[in-house]
Amino acid sequence: MKTLDHLQDSLFADDEFDHPSAQVVDLNHRPMSIADRLIAEDKKRRNKILSLETRQRIENHQIDGFGFDLGDSTSKVTRFASGVLSPAYWKAYKASGRALCVAATELGNKRLERVKEHVRQGGTLLVDSGAFIYMARPDEMPWSEVARRYYEIAKAASDDAKVTFVLPDAVGDQAKSLEALQTWGDRLIRTVGARHTCLLPVQNGDLSPSEYIRKAQTLLKESYSGIALPCGAAPMPPQKLRDLLELSPGERPERIHLLGISNRKKELAKYTTVLADVVPDAEVSCDAVEFRQDVGKEELLTVMRREILEAIRDKALERADWTELSHTLSDASHVLLIEYVDNQFPLVTGEDRAELIETIQSSPIMQALETQALHNEVDERFGPYATSLATHALITQKVPKLLADYWAHHHPIEPECDQRMGAFAPEDSCPGLS
């Protein structure tokens, strides 16, 4: 499709993150969500629907990706964004300059290359072994492969990159953690080299944190820089951290990372409150899948992504009239037509079926099917692009120019529900229409 080919070339020609809107757009004051429903040849006959729920959901969205108020004491914690290995999320978080967190066991070749390029360019990164994936089968943990990936990342890192590696453990099992540490701990420390940081994961169990740390020290010849505390799977209870006072001042960690705390503000506050008392000068960090709370049918990231795709469809309709687009999409539309007939009229066969298809082809239903074909084509081509733009907007609180321009020139109108659409009408596209 030439129209979409040209549009794709123009949108991808430059780094989209270099083109935010002319002024910083407060997400509190962005237009409400638009869900399009096209039922005609001419784009002027499109119907758009306001989602008041979305406006209400973002009324107080002046918070960071964890859901924390920017003035909250927990905001002093250095936060690493995890769960970002898919290309769309990775691109958005990397463009925003955020510190990233990855698990070695999740790094295939392409993902590993992205990670190496990140540290090669001086990025900040925390690399967990990924032992949590093998929580139920710790004996299968591929430590030799983890060591290889640690080595490749450490070797690729530039002098100004800040890279932290988590030492071996077995989630929720102190005995197997110490066994893995004894076998692989010194090897991994030597593998990543002295210029990178290594953290000792301290698992919960019969040994207190101070006892575990001292036991670990007897197993290691090499030194490490701090500790990592599990806060997701098999979490270390916050109150147990007061046991760190049993360590001498010289033994107490200067760097503490809270693994998998996610966006649980209250839980993070429990840890930081204790740590402030016990090791007030320690550098505290944590990792979280920040965008998780904004993904869902009517959640902010999903809605923003949908509106960006709507803006792209609008651009496509500006560059080609609907007749041209519908002709180009004829094959895809025909497939949808057959699916529609199969689903809605399964008992109609033979000549009656052929007559039914011919009737639908000249009805508003066919126009809706053609519109759906356009949506499908745009989603396939531009879906990852829209995900990156929406994610970057939430991270930076800056709306991309593409979407800001669309909002500025298009005002939602009340939909004129077409009763002829019947069962094909998109869900929630027309309140009261069943």
Protein backbone atom coordinates (compact mmCIF):
# COMPACT_ATOMS: atom_id res chain seq x y z
CA MET A 1 0.00 0.00 0.00
CA LYS A 2 1.82 3.09 -1.28
CA THR A 3 0.06 5.54 1.03
CA LEU A 4 1.12 3.69 4.16
CA ASP A 5 4.55 2.97 2.68
CA HIS A 6 5.17 6.70 2.24
CA LEU A 7 3.73 7.49 5.67
CA GLN A 8 5.93 4.87 7.27
CA ASP A 9 9.01 6.28 5.53
CA SER A 10 8.23 9.81 6.72
CA LEU A 11 7.52 8.82 10.33
CA PHE A 12 10.56 6.57 10.61
CA ALA A 13 12.93 8.97 8.85
CA ASP A 14 13.97 10.67 12.08
CA ASP A 15 14.12 9.66 15.71
CA GLU A 16 10.54 10.23 16.82
CA PHE A 17 11.66 11.01 20.36
CA ASP A 18 13.48 14.09 19.08
CA HIS A 19 10.15 15.66 18.16
CA PRO A 20 8.00 16.25 21.24
CA SER A 21 5.23 18.82 21.00
CA ALA A 22 6.25 22.47 20.80
CA GLN A 23 5.31 23.01 24.43
CA VAL A 24 5.40 20.58 27.29
CA VAL A 25 1.93 19.12 27.51
CA ASP A 26 0.76 18.27 31.01
CA LEU A 27 -0.89 14.87 30.81
CA ASN A 28 -3.46 16.13 33.28
CA HIS A 29 -4.74 18.47 30.60
CA ARG A 30 -4.57 16.27 27.54
CA PRO A 31 -7.79 15.58 25.64
CA MET A 32 -9.87 12.68 26.79
CA SER A 33 -9.54 9.30 25.15
CA ILE A 34 -10.89 8.91 21.61
CA ALA A 35 -12.11 5.58 20.30
CA ASP A 36 -12.84 5.83 16.61
CA ARG A 37 -15.66 4.11 14.77
CA LEU A 38 -15.64 4.64 11.02
CA ILE A 39 -18.72 3.68 9.01
CA ALA A 40 -18.48 5.66 5.75
CA GLU A 41 -16.33 6.43 2.71
CA ASP A 42 -15.54 9.99 3.72
CA LYS A 43 -13.39 10.59 6.79
CA LYS A 44 -15.72 13.42 7.80
CA ARG A 45 -18.35 10.83 8.61
CA ARG A 46 -16.16 9.10 11.20
CA ASN A 47 -17.50 8.89 14.72
CA LYS A 48 -15.35 9.40 17.78
CA ILE A 49 -16.28 8.69 21.35
CA LEU A 50 -14.99 10.34 24.51
CA SER A 51 -13.93 8.10 27.36
CA LEU A 52 -14.67 10.03 30.54
CA GLU A 53 -13.24 7.18 32.59
CA THR A 54 -9.82 7.75 31.07
CA ARG A 55 -9.89 11.43 31.99
CA GLN A 56 -10.76 10.52 35.56
CA ARG A 57 -8.01 7.91 35.70
CA ILE A 58 -5.28 10.40 34.79
CA GLU A 59 -6.63 13.34 36.78
CA ASN A 60 -3.86 12.84 39.33
CA HIS A 61 -1.19 11.31 37.10
CA GLN A 62 1.61 13.70 38.07
CA ILE A 63 3.62 10.81 39.44
CA ASP A 64 6.57 8.81 38.31
CA GLY A 65 6.47 5.38 36.68
CA PHE A 66 6.23 3.61 40.02
CA GLY A 67 3.11 5.53 41.04
CA PHE A 68 5.02 7.58 43.62
CA ASP A 69 4.54 11.27 44.22
CA LEU A 70 7.58 13.12 42.95
CA GLY A 71 8.05 14.69 46.39
CA ASP A 72 7.79 11.42 48.30
CA SER A 73 10.82 10.27 50.33
CA THR A 74 10.92 7.01 48.39
CA SER A 75 11.72 9.00 45.26
CA LYS A 76 15.30 9.24 46.56
CA VAL A 77 15.73 5.57 45.70
CA THR A 78 17.52 5.01 42.38
CA ARG A 79 15.09 3.10 40.20
CA PHE A 80 15.92 0.71 37.40
CA ALA A 81 13.25 -0.09 34.80
CA SER A 82 12.86 -3.83 34.30
CA GLY A 83 10.68 -5.84 31.94
CA VAL A 84 11.78 -3.67 29.02
CA LEU A 85 13.47 -6.21 26.76
CA SER A 86 10.87 -6.08 23.99
CA PRO A 87 12.11 -3.70 21.26
CA ALA A 88 9.29 -1.16 21.65
CA TYR A 89 9.70 -0.70 25.41
CA TRP A 90 13.49 -0.85 25.21
CA LYS A 91 13.57 1.92 22.63
CA ALA A 92 11.37 4.20 24.75
CA TYR A 93 13.22 3.68 28.02
CA LYS A 94 16.64 3.93 26.41
CA ALA A 95 15.68 7.17 24.64
CA SER A 96 14.55 8.63 27.96
CA GLY A 97 17.96 7.99 29.50
CA ARG A 98 16.60 5.68 32.18
CA ALA A 99 18.64 3.11 34.10
CA LEU A 100 17.67 -0.36 32.89
CA CYS A 101 17.51 -3.80 34.51
CA VAL A 102 17.71 -7.12 32.66
CA ALA A 103 17.92 -10.80 33.58
CA ALA A 104 20.74 -12.80 32.00
CA THR A 105 18.58 -15.89 31.53
CA GLU A 106 16.18 -13.85 29.37
CA LEU A 107 18.84 -12.59 26.97
CA GLY A 108 18.70 -14.20 23.56
CA ASN A 109 21.21 -13.05 20.94
CA LYS A 110 19.21 -10.02 19.73
CA ARG A 111 18.39 -8.87 23.23
CA LEU A 112 21.99 -9.34 24.32
CA GLU A 113 23.17 -7.17 21.43
CA ARG A 114 20.75 -4.40 22.48
CA VAL A 115 22.05 -4.58 26.04
CA LYS A 116 25.69 -4.49 24.91
CA GLU A 117 24.99 -1.46 22.72
CA HIS A 118 23.36 0.27 25.70
CA VAL A 119 26.46 -0.07 27.90
CA ARG A 120 28.76 0.58 24.96
CA GLN A 121 27.10 4.00 24.77
CA GLY A 122 27.63 4.63 28.48
CA GLY A 123 24.23 3.53 29.77
CA THR A 124 23.39 2.54 33.34
CA LEU A 125 22.44 -1.12 33.74
CA LEU A 126 21.75 -3.72 36.42
CA VAL A 127 22.10 -7.34 35.35
CA ASP A 128 20.38 -9.97 37.47
CA SER A 129 21.26 -13.61 36.92
CA GLY A 130 17.60 -14.46 36.32
CA ALA A 131 17.62 -17.19 38.98
CA PHE A 132 13.99 -16.31 39.78
CA ILE A 133 13.00 -18.01 36.52
CA TYR A 134 14.50 -21.23 37.88
CA MET A 135 13.02 -20.84 41.36
CA ALA A 136 11.26 -24.23 41.20
CA ARG A 137 14.24 -26.00 39.59
CA PRO A 138 17.44 -24.36 40.85
CA ASP A 139 19.63 -27.30 39.84
CA GLU A 140 18.87 -26.51 36.18
CA MET A 141 20.15 -22.93 36.44
CA PRO A 142 22.58 -22.45 33.48
CA TRP A 143 25.36 -20.67 35.36
CA SER A 144 27.93 -21.17 32.61
CA GLU A 145 25.64 -19.37 30.17
CA VAL A 146 25.01 -16.62 32.71
CA ALA A 147 28.78 -16.21 33.09
CA ARG A 148 29.17 -15.90 29.32
CA ARG A 149 26.51 -13.19 29.10
CA TYR A 150 27.97 -11.34 32.09
CA TYR A 151 31.36 -11.39 30.37
CA GLU A 152 30.03 -10.10 27.06
CA ILE A 153 28.17 -7.22 28.73
CA ALA A 154 31.12 -6.30 30.95
CA LYS A 155 33.52 -6.38 28.02
CA ALA A 156 31.23 -4.22 25.85
CA ALA A 157 30.78 -1.52 28.52
CA SER A 158 32.50 1.81 27.96
CA ASP A 159 34.51 3.47 30.71
CA ASP A 160 31.62 5.79 31.57
CA ALA A 161 28.99 3.02 31.73
CA LYS A 162 27.69 2.09 35.17
CA VAL A 163 27.04 -1.65 35.22
CA THR A 164 26.00 -3.71 38.25
CA PHE A 165 25.89 -7.52 38.33
CA VAL A 166 24.03 -9.70 40.84
CA LEU A 167 25.99 -12.72 42.12
CA PRO A 168 24.64 -16.31 42.17
CA ASP A 169 21.73 -17.40 44.32
CA ALA A 170 18.72 -19.71 44.40
CA VAL A 171 15.55 -17.81 45.15
CA GLY A 172 14.06 -18.70 48.53
CA ASP A 173 16.77 -21.24 49.38
CA GLN A 174 19.74 -20.17 51.49
CA ALA A 175 21.57 -23.52 51.30
CA LYS A 176 21.44 -23.76 47.51
CA SER A 177 22.26 -20.05 47.23
CA LEU A 178 25.46 -20.54 49.22
CA GLU A 179 26.25 -23.62 47.15
CA ALA A 180 25.88 -21.65 43.92
CA LEU A 181 27.88 -18.80 45.40
CA GLN A 182 30.73 -21.11 46.39
CA THR A 183 30.86 -22.65 42.92
CA TRP A 184 30.30 -19.57 40.79
CA GLY A 185 30.70 -16.46 42.95
CA ASP A 186 34.44 -15.81 42.53
CA ARG A 187 34.28 -16.85 38.88
CA LEU A 188 31.58 -14.30 38.10
CA ILE A 189 33.36 -11.52 40.00
CA ARG A 190 36.55 -12.18 38.04
CA THR A 191 34.54 -12.49 34.83
CA VAL A 192 33.03 -9.00 35.03
CA GLY A 193 36.24 -7.37 36.26
CA ALA A 194 37.15 -4.88 38.94
CA ARG A 195 35.64 -1.81 37.24
CA HIS A 196 32.07 -3.11 37.60
CA THR A 197 29.90 -3.49 40.69
CA CYS A 198 28.85 -6.89 42.07
CA LEU A 199 26.06 -7.37 44.62
CA LEU A 200 25.56 -10.33 46.95
CA PRO A 201 21.91 -11.50 46.96
CA VAL A 202 20.83 -12.23 50.54
CA GLN A 203 18.04 -14.79 50.68
CA ASN A 204 15.59 -15.16 53.55
CA GLY A 205 15.79 -18.28 55.68
CA ASP A 206 17.04 -19.74 58.97
CA LEU A 207 20.20 -17.66 58.86
CA SER A 208 19.73 -14.00 59.73
CA PRO A 209 20.93 -11.47 57.15
CA SER A 210 24.12 -10.79 59.08
CA GLU A 211 24.82 -14.52 59.50
CA TYR A 212 24.20 -15.12 55.80
CA ILE A 213 26.52 -12.29 54.78
CA ARG A 214 29.30 -13.52 57.05
CA LYS A 215 28.86 -17.07 55.76
CA ALA A 216 29.04 -15.81 52.19
CA GLN A 217 32.23 -13.91 52.95
CA THR A 218 33.91 -17.12 54.06
CA LEU A 219 33.07 -18.68 50.69
CA LEU A 220 34.40 -15.84 48.54
CA LYS A 221 37.99 -14.84 47.93
CA GLU A 222 37.01 -11.88 45.79
CA SER A 223 35.31 -8.77 47.15
CA TYR A 224 31.85 -7.45 46.26
CA SER A 225 30.29 -3.98 46.55
CA GLY A 226 26.94 -4.41 48.29
CA ILE A 227 23.89 -6.61 48.72
CA ALA A 228 20.68 -7.34 46.84
CA LEU A 229 17.50 -8.18 48.72
CA PRO A 230 14.61 -10.15 47.14
CA CYS A 231 11.36 -8.24 47.55
CA GLY A 232 9.16 -10.04 45.02
CA ALA A 233 9.47 -13.82 45.01
CA ALA A 234 10.43 -15.21 48.46
CA PRO A 235 10.85 -11.70 49.88
CA MET A 236 13.13 -10.72 52.72
CA PRO A 237 10.86 -9.30 55.49
CA PRO A 238 11.73 -5.63 56.04
CA GLN A 239 11.91 -6.02 59.82
CA LYS A 240 14.71 -8.57 59.43
CA LEU A 241 16.96 -5.88 58.00
CA ARG A 242 17.46 -4.44 61.47
CA ASP A 243 19.73 -7.44 61.95
CA LEU A 244 22.28 -5.64 59.74
CA LEU A 245 23.18 -3.73 62.91
CA GLU A 246 24.87 -6.94 64.05
CA LEU A 247 27.51 -6.27 61.42
CA SER A 248 30.40 -4.00 62.30
CA PRO A 249 30.31 -0.55 60.66
CA GLY A 250 32.96 -1.72 58.22
CA GLU A 251 30.91 -4.79 57.28
CA ARG A 252 27.66 -2.98 56.61
CA PRO A 253 26.81 -2.62 52.93
CA GLU A 254 27.25 0.72 51.21
CA ARG A 255 25.01 -0.29 48.30
CA ILE A 256 21.65 -2.05 48.66
CA HIS A 257 19.39 -3.07 45.80
CA LEU A 258 15.77 -4.15 46.32
CA LEU A 259 14.96 -6.81 43.74
CA GLY A 260 11.48 -6.90 42.18
CA ILE A 261 9.77 -4.37 44.43
CA SER A 262 7.70 -3.37 41.37
CA ASN A 263 5.32 -0.43 41.93
CA ARG A 264 4.31 -1.32 45.48
CA LYS A 265 4.86 2.03 47.14
CA LYS A 266 3.86 0.96 50.64
CA GLU A 267 6.14 -2.07 50.55
CA LEU A 268 9.08 -0.02 49.31
CA ALA A 269 8.48 2.50 52.10
CA LYS A 270 8.75 -0.30 54.68
CA TYR A 271 12.19 -1.24 53.38
CA THR A 272 13.48 2.30 53.02
CA THR A 273 12.28 3.25 56.51
CA VAL A 274 14.25 0.41 58.12
CA LEU A 275 17.31 0.98 55.94
CA ALA A 276 17.35 4.68 56.81
CA ASP A 277 17.70 3.70 60.44
CA VAL A 278 20.20 0.89 59.96
CA VAL A 279 22.42 2.07 57.09
CA PRO A 280 21.50 5.74 56.59
CA ASP A 281 24.40 6.45 54.25
CA ALA A 282 23.86 3.45 51.98
CA GLU A 283 23.00 3.97 48.33
CA VAL A 284 19.60 2.32 47.82
CA SER A 285 18.17 1.25 44.46
CA CYS A 286 15.35 -0.98 43.25
CA ASP A 287 13.86 -2.27 40.02
CA ALA A 288 10.30 -2.38 38.76
CA VAL A 289 8.19 -3.10 35.71
CA GLU A 290 7.05 0.51 35.66
CA PHE A 291 4.53 0.44 32.84
CA ARG A 292 2.55 -2.52 34.18
CA GLN A 293 0.05 -0.32 36.03
CA ASP A 294 -0.72 1.60 32.83
CA VAL A 295 -1.40 -1.41 30.57
CA GLY A 296 -4.96 -2.64 30.17
CA LYS A 297 -8.10 -2.00 28.18
CA GLU A 298 -8.68 1.54 29.44
CA GLU A 299 -5.38 2.17 31.20
CA LEU A 300 -3.32 5.17 30.23
CA LEU A 301 -0.53 3.56 28.18
CA THR A 302 -2.99 1.43 26.22
CA VAL A 303 -5.26 4.41 25.54
CA MET A 304 -2.35 6.63 24.47
CA ARG A 305 -1.13 3.93 22.11
CA ARG A 306 -4.60 3.60 20.61
CA GLU A 307 -4.83 7.35 20.05
CA ILE A 308 -1.42 7.46 18.39
CA LEU A 309 -2.60 4.79 15.97
CA GLU A 310 -5.71 6.88 15.37
CA ALA A 311 -3.49 9.87 14.58
CA ILE A 312 -1.55 7.73 12.10
CA ARG A 313 -4.77 6.55 10.44
CA ASP A 314 -5.83 10.17 10.21
CA LYS A 315 -2.59 11.02 8.43
CA ALA A 316 -3.17 8.15 6.03
CA LEU A 317 -6.64 9.48 5.21
CA GLU A 318 -5.18 12.94 4.61
CA ARG A 319 -2.83 11.53 1.98
CA ALA A 320 -5.26 9.31 0.11
CA ASP A 321 -9.01 9.37 -0.32
CA TRP A 322 -11.08 6.56 1.09
CA THR A 323 -11.86 5.11 -2.33
CA GLU A 324 -8.16 4.56 -3.01
CA LEU A 325 -7.55 3.01 0.40
CA SER A 326 -10.59 0.73 0.24
CA HIS A 327 -9.52 -0.50 -3.21
CA THR A 328 -6.03 -1.26 -1.94
CA LEU A 329 -7.48 -3.10 1.05
CA SER A 330 -9.98 -5.11 -1.01
CA ASP A 331 -8.34 -8.51 -0.39
CA ALA A 332 -8.11 -7.97 3.34
CA SER A 333 -11.66 -6.62 3.43
CA HIS A 334 -12.94 -9.68 1.56
CA VAL A 335 -11.37 -11.96 4.17
CA LEU A 336 -13.13 -10.01 6.91
CA LEU A 337 -16.38 -10.19 4.93
CA ILE A 338 -16.25 -13.97 4.74
CA GLU A 339 -15.43 -14.18 8.46
CA TYR A 340 -18.37 -11.88 9.20
CA VAL A 341 -20.80 -13.97 7.17
CA ASP A 342 -19.49 -17.21 8.72
CA ASN A 343 -19.95 -15.83 12.23
CA GLN A 344 -23.25 -14.02 11.79
CA PHE A 345 -25.02 -16.27 9.26
CA PRO A 346 -23.57 -19.78 9.66
CA LEU A 347 -26.70 -21.50 8.39
CA VAL A 348 -26.97 -19.56 5.13
CA THR A 349 -25.52 -21.57 2.23
CA GLY A 350 -25.45 -21.86 -1.55
CA GLU A 351 -27.13 -19.19 -3.63
CA ASP A 352 -28.59 -17.55 -0.55
CA ARG A 353 -25.07 -17.11 0.82
CA ALA A 354 -23.82 -15.63 -2.48
CA GLU A 355 -26.76 -13.22 -2.55
CA LEU A 356 -26.16 -12.26 1.09
CA ILE A 357 -22.49 -11.51 0.37
CA GLU A 358 -23.45 -9.38 -2.62
CA THR A 359 -25.95 -7.44 -0.49
CA ILE A 360 -23.44 -6.80 2.29
CA GLN A 361 -20.84 -5.57 -0.22
CA SER A 362 -23.05 -2.56 -0.99
CA SER A 363 -24.06 -1.86 2.60
CA PRO A 364 -22.56 0.20 5.48
CA ILE A 365 -21.38 -3.09 6.97
CA MET A 366 -18.89 -3.46 4.11
CA GLN A 367 -17.65 0.05 4.73
CA ALA A 368 -17.08 -0.88 8.36
CA LEU A 369 -15.21 -4.02 7.29
CA GLU A 370 -13.00 -1.93 5.01
CA THR A 371 -12.33 0.38 7.91
CA GLN A 372 -11.40 -2.59 10.07
CA ALA A 373 -8.99 -3.73 7.37
CA LEU A 374 -7.32 -0.32 7.49
CA HIS A 375 -7.10 -0.53 11.28
CA ASN A 376 -5.50 -3.96 11.04
CA GLU A 377 -2.95 -2.78 8.48
CA VAL A 378 -2.01 0.28 10.53
CA ASP A 379 -1.80 -1.77 13.73
CA GLU A 380 0.52 -4.29 12.10
CA ARG A 381 2.83 -1.67 10.59
CA PHE A 382 2.83 0.92 13.35
CA GLY A 383 1.94 -0.99 16.53
CA PRO A 384 5.49 -1.14 17.99
CA TYR A 385 6.09 2.48 16.94
CA ALA A 386 2.94 3.57 18.79
CA THR A 387 3.93 1.56 21.87
CA SER A 388 7.32 3.29 21.97
CA LEU A 389 5.81 6.74 21.57
CA ALA A 390 3.17 6.17 24.24
CA THR A 391 5.67 4.69 26.68
CA HIS A 392 8.12 7.54 26.13
CA ALA A 393 5.33 10.05 26.71
CA LEU A 394 4.51 8.51 30.08
CA ILE A 395 8.17 8.42 31.12
CA THR A 396 8.95 12.00 30.13
CA GLN A 397 5.49 13.53 30.65
CA LYS A 398 5.83 15.01 27.14
CA VAL A 399 3.28 14.23 24.47
CA PRO A 400 4.76 13.49 21.01
CA LYS A 401 4.16 16.11 18.35
CA LEU A 402 2.23 13.59 16.22
CA LEU A 403 -0.38 13.18 18.93
CA ALA A 404 -0.39 16.81 20.09
CA ASP A 405 -1.12 17.94 16.51
CA TYR A 406 -3.89 15.40 16.19
CA TRP A 407 -5.51 16.50 19.44
CA ALA A 408 -5.21 20.15 18.43
CA HIS A 409 -7.07 19.68 15.14
CA HIS A 410 -9.65 17.06 15.99
CA HIS A 411 -12.43 17.48 18.51
CA PRO A 412 -14.49 14.48 19.53
CA ILE A 413 -18.16 14.56 18.62
CA GLU A 414 -21.07 12.55 19.88
CA PRO A 415 -21.43 9.39 17.76
CA GLU A 416 -24.38 8.99 15.48
CA CYS A 417 -25.07 5.34 16.11
CA ASP A 418 -25.89 3.42 12.99
CA GLN A 419 -28.42 0.75 13.95
CA ARG A 420 -27.71 -1.01 10.67
CA MET A 421 -24.28 -2.01 12.02
CA GLY A 422 -25.96 -4.35 14.45
CA ALA A 423 -23.69 -7.03 15.85
CA PHE A 424 -20.62 -5.69 14.04
CA ALA A 425 -20.51 -2.44 16.02
CA PRO A 426 -17.27 -2.31 18.04
CA GLU A 427 -17.65 -2.94 21.75
CA ASP A 428 -18.62 0.19 23.68
CA SER A 429 -18.60 2.19 20.45
CA CYS A 430 -22.19 3.26 20.91
CA PRO A 431 -23.64 3.34 24.44
CA GLY A 432 -27.05 1.76 24.62
CA LEU A 433 -26.65 -0.15 21.38
CA SER A 434 -26.88 -3.88 22.00
